[in-house]
């Protein structure tokens, strides 16, 4: 499956439901714009640091065929929606 290279980049704060086990955070649901997205697959996860602000980044697929890139900022404890893409428009 090929993903579109043109992304929507809202940088919105979102609410995220997670499950933590064995030192890892597993993203389960994302609430954005009054819509809940069930995460069906974690595509990738990586750590970044912007100055003294470490973060964990996730790319996830959802039940609504939307690909989301999320960032969890460890200091502020905020979840940010960095990018999204509609997987059905391919």
C-alpha atoms as a PDB file:
ATOM      1  CA  UNK A   1       0.000   0.000   0.000  1.00  0.00           C
ATOM      2  CA  UNK A   2       1.478   3.347  -1.019  1.00  0.00           C
ATOM      3  CA  UNK A   3       0.854   6.439   1.056  1.00  0.00           C
ATOM      4  CA  UNK A   4       0.332   9.930  -0.315  1.00  0.00           C
ATOM      5  CA  UNK A   5       3.373  12.201   0.124  1.00  0.00           C
ATOM      6  CA  UNK A   6       1.191  15.311   0.540  1.00  0.00           C
ATOM      7  CA  UNK A   7       0.176  15.473   4.187  1.00  0.00           C
ATOM      8  CA  UNK A   8      -2.139  17.646   6.187  1.00  0.00           C
ATOM      9  CA  UNK A   9      -0.181  19.129   9.087  1.00  0.00           C
ATOM     10  CA  UNK A  10      -2.511  20.594  11.720  1.00  0.00           C
ATOM     11  CA  UNK A  11      -0.195  20.421  14.791  1.00  0.00           C
ATOM     12  CA  UNK A  12      -3.327  20.151  16.970  1.00  0.00           C
ATOM     13  CA  UNK A  13      -3.338  18.945  20.553  1.00  0.00           C
ATOM     14  CA  UNK A  14      -5.300  15.690  20.760  1.00  0.00           C
ATOM     15  CA  UNK A  15      -6.488  13.345  23.476  1.00  0.00           C
ATOM     16  CA  UNK A  16      -4.977   9.863  23.376  1.00  0.00           C
ATOM     17  CA  UNK A  17      -5.877   6.669  25.209  1.00  0.00           C
ATOM     18  CA  UNK A  18      -2.871   4.429  25.745  1.00  0.00           C
ATOM     19  CA  UNK A  19      -1.888   1.184  27.402  1.00  0.00           C
ATOM     20  CA  UNK A  20       1.524   0.938  29.054  1.00  0.00           C
ATOM     21  CA  UNK A  21       3.274  -2.411  29.388  1.00  0.00           C
ATOM     22  CA  UNK A  22       6.898  -3.462  29.775  1.00  0.00           C
ATOM     23  CA  UNK A  23       8.114   0.140  29.559  1.00  0.00           C
ATOM     24  CA  UNK A  24       6.339   0.898  26.270  1.00  0.00           C
ATOM     25  CA  UNK A  25       3.354   3.096  25.470  1.00  0.00           C
ATOM     26  CA  UNK A  26       0.803   1.505  23.152  1.00  0.00           C
ATOM     27  CA  UNK A  27      -1.559   3.986  21.476  1.00  0.00           C
ATOM     28  CA  UNK A  28      -5.146   2.648  21.485  1.00  0.00           C
ATOM     29  CA  UNK A  29      -7.453   5.567  20.580  1.00  0.00           C
ATOM     30  CA  UNK A  30      -7.128   9.174  19.436  1.00  0.00           C
ATOM     31  CA  UNK A  31      -9.788  11.870  19.931  1.00  0.00           C
ATOM     32  CA  UNK A  32      -9.458  14.680  17.378  1.00  0.00           C
ATOM     33  CA  UNK A  33     -12.090  17.161  16.169  1.00  0.00           C
ATOM     34  CA  UNK A  34     -14.838  15.383  18.179  1.00  0.00           C
ATOM     35  CA  UNK A  35     -14.087  12.083  16.424  1.00  0.00           C
ATOM     36  CA  UNK A  36     -12.606   9.002  18.060  1.00  0.00           C
ATOM     37  CA  UNK A  37     -10.175   6.956  15.986  1.00  0.00           C
ATOM     38  CA  UNK A  38      -9.425   3.370  17.025  1.00  0.00           C
ATOM     39  CA  UNK A  39      -5.786   2.532  16.347  1.00  0.00           C
ATOM     40  CA  UNK A  40      -5.572  -0.701  14.346  1.00  0.00           C
ATOM     41  CA  UNK A  41      -1.814  -0.767  13.781  1.00  0.00           C
ATOM     42  CA  UNK A  42       1.275   1.033  15.043  1.00  0.00           C
ATOM     43  CA  UNK A  43       3.294   1.461  11.858  1.00  0.00           C
ATOM     44  CA  UNK A  44       6.390   2.999  13.462  1.00  0.00           C
ATOM     45  CA  UNK A  45       7.714   4.569  16.651  1.00  0.00           C
ATOM     46  CA  UNK A  46      10.826   6.693  17.208  1.00  0.00           C
ATOM     47  CA  UNK A  47      12.329   9.049  19.781  1.00  0.00           C
ATOM     48  CA  UNK A  48      13.339  12.654  19.097  1.00  0.00           C
ATOM     49  CA  UNK A  49      14.648  15.588  21.104  1.00  0.00           C
ATOM     50  CA  UNK A  50      14.144  19.289  20.444  1.00  0.00           C
ATOM     51  CA  UNK A  51      16.551  20.999  22.832  1.00  0.00           C
ATOM     52  CA  UNK A  52      15.661  19.758  26.312  1.00  0.00           C
ATOM     53  CA  UNK A  53      12.248  18.465  25.205  1.00  0.00           C
ATOM     54  CA  UNK A  54      12.314  14.704  24.495  1.00  0.00           C
ATOM     55  CA  UNK A  55       9.388  13.184  22.655  1.00  0.00           C
ATOM     56  CA  UNK A  56       8.120   9.868  21.332  1.00  0.00           C
ATOM     57  CA  UNK A  57       6.661   9.855  17.814  1.00  0.00           C
ATOM     58  CA  UNK A  58       4.191   7.348  16.412  1.00  0.00           C
ATOM     59  CA  UNK A  59       2.724   6.654  13.013  1.00  0.00           C
ATOM     60  CA  UNK A  60      -0.545   4.734  13.361  1.00  0.00           C
ATOM     61  CA  UNK A  61      -3.294   3.386  11.131  1.00  0.00           C
ATOM     62  CA  UNK A  62      -6.894   3.778  12.295  1.00  0.00           C
ATOM     63  CA  UNK A  63     -10.261   2.094  11.825  1.00  0.00           C
ATOM     64  CA  UNK A  64     -11.343   5.031   9.630  1.00  0.00           C
ATOM     65  CA  UNK A  65      -8.487   4.436   7.143  1.00  0.00           C
ATOM     66  CA  UNK A  66      -6.643   7.514   8.344  1.00  0.00           C
ATOM     67  CA  UNK A  67      -2.883   7.477   8.910  1.00  0.00           C
ATOM     68  CA  UNK A  68      -1.865   9.680  11.865  1.00  0.00           C
ATOM     69  CA  UNK A  69       1.548  10.879  12.989  1.00  0.00           C
ATOM     70  CA  UNK A  70       1.480  11.683  16.702  1.00  0.00           C
ATOM     71  CA  UNK A  71       4.063  13.201  19.007  1.00  0.00           C
ATOM     72  CA  UNK A  72       4.066  12.706  22.786  1.00  0.00           C
ATOM     73  CA  UNK A  73       6.034  15.466  24.494  1.00  0.00           C
ATOM     74  CA  UNK A  74       7.493  13.980  27.661  1.00  0.00           C
ATOM     75  CA  UNK A  75       7.934  17.264  29.587  1.00  0.00           C
ATOM     76  CA  UNK A  76       4.535  18.893  28.898  1.00  0.00           C
ATOM     77  CA  UNK A  77       2.773  15.483  28.637  1.00  0.00           C
ATOM     78  CA  UNK A  78       0.957  16.797  25.539  1.00  0.00           C
ATOM     79  CA  UNK A  79      -0.052  14.709  22.544  1.00  0.00           C
ATOM     80  CA  UNK A  80       0.244  16.560  19.218  1.00  0.00           C
ATOM     81  CA  UNK A  81      -1.194  15.482  15.875  1.00  0.00           C
ATOM     82  CA  UNK A  82       1.675  16.294  13.521  1.00  0.00           C
ATOM     83  CA  UNK A  83       0.364  14.878  10.239  1.00  0.00           C
ATOM     84  CA  UNK A  84      -2.575  12.917   8.882  1.00  0.00           C
ATOM     85  CA  UNK A  85      -3.349  11.260   5.566  1.00  0.00           C
ATOM     86  CA  UNK A  86      -6.459   9.597   4.138  1.00  0.00           C
ATOM     87  CA  UNK A  87      -5.401   6.095   3.094  1.00  0.00           C
ATOM     88  CA  UNK A  88      -8.552   5.581   0.968  1.00  0.00           C
ATOM     89  CA  UNK A  89      -7.748   8.358  -1.504  1.00  0.00           C
ATOM     90  CA  UNK A  90      -4.997   6.294  -3.126  1.00  0.00           C
END
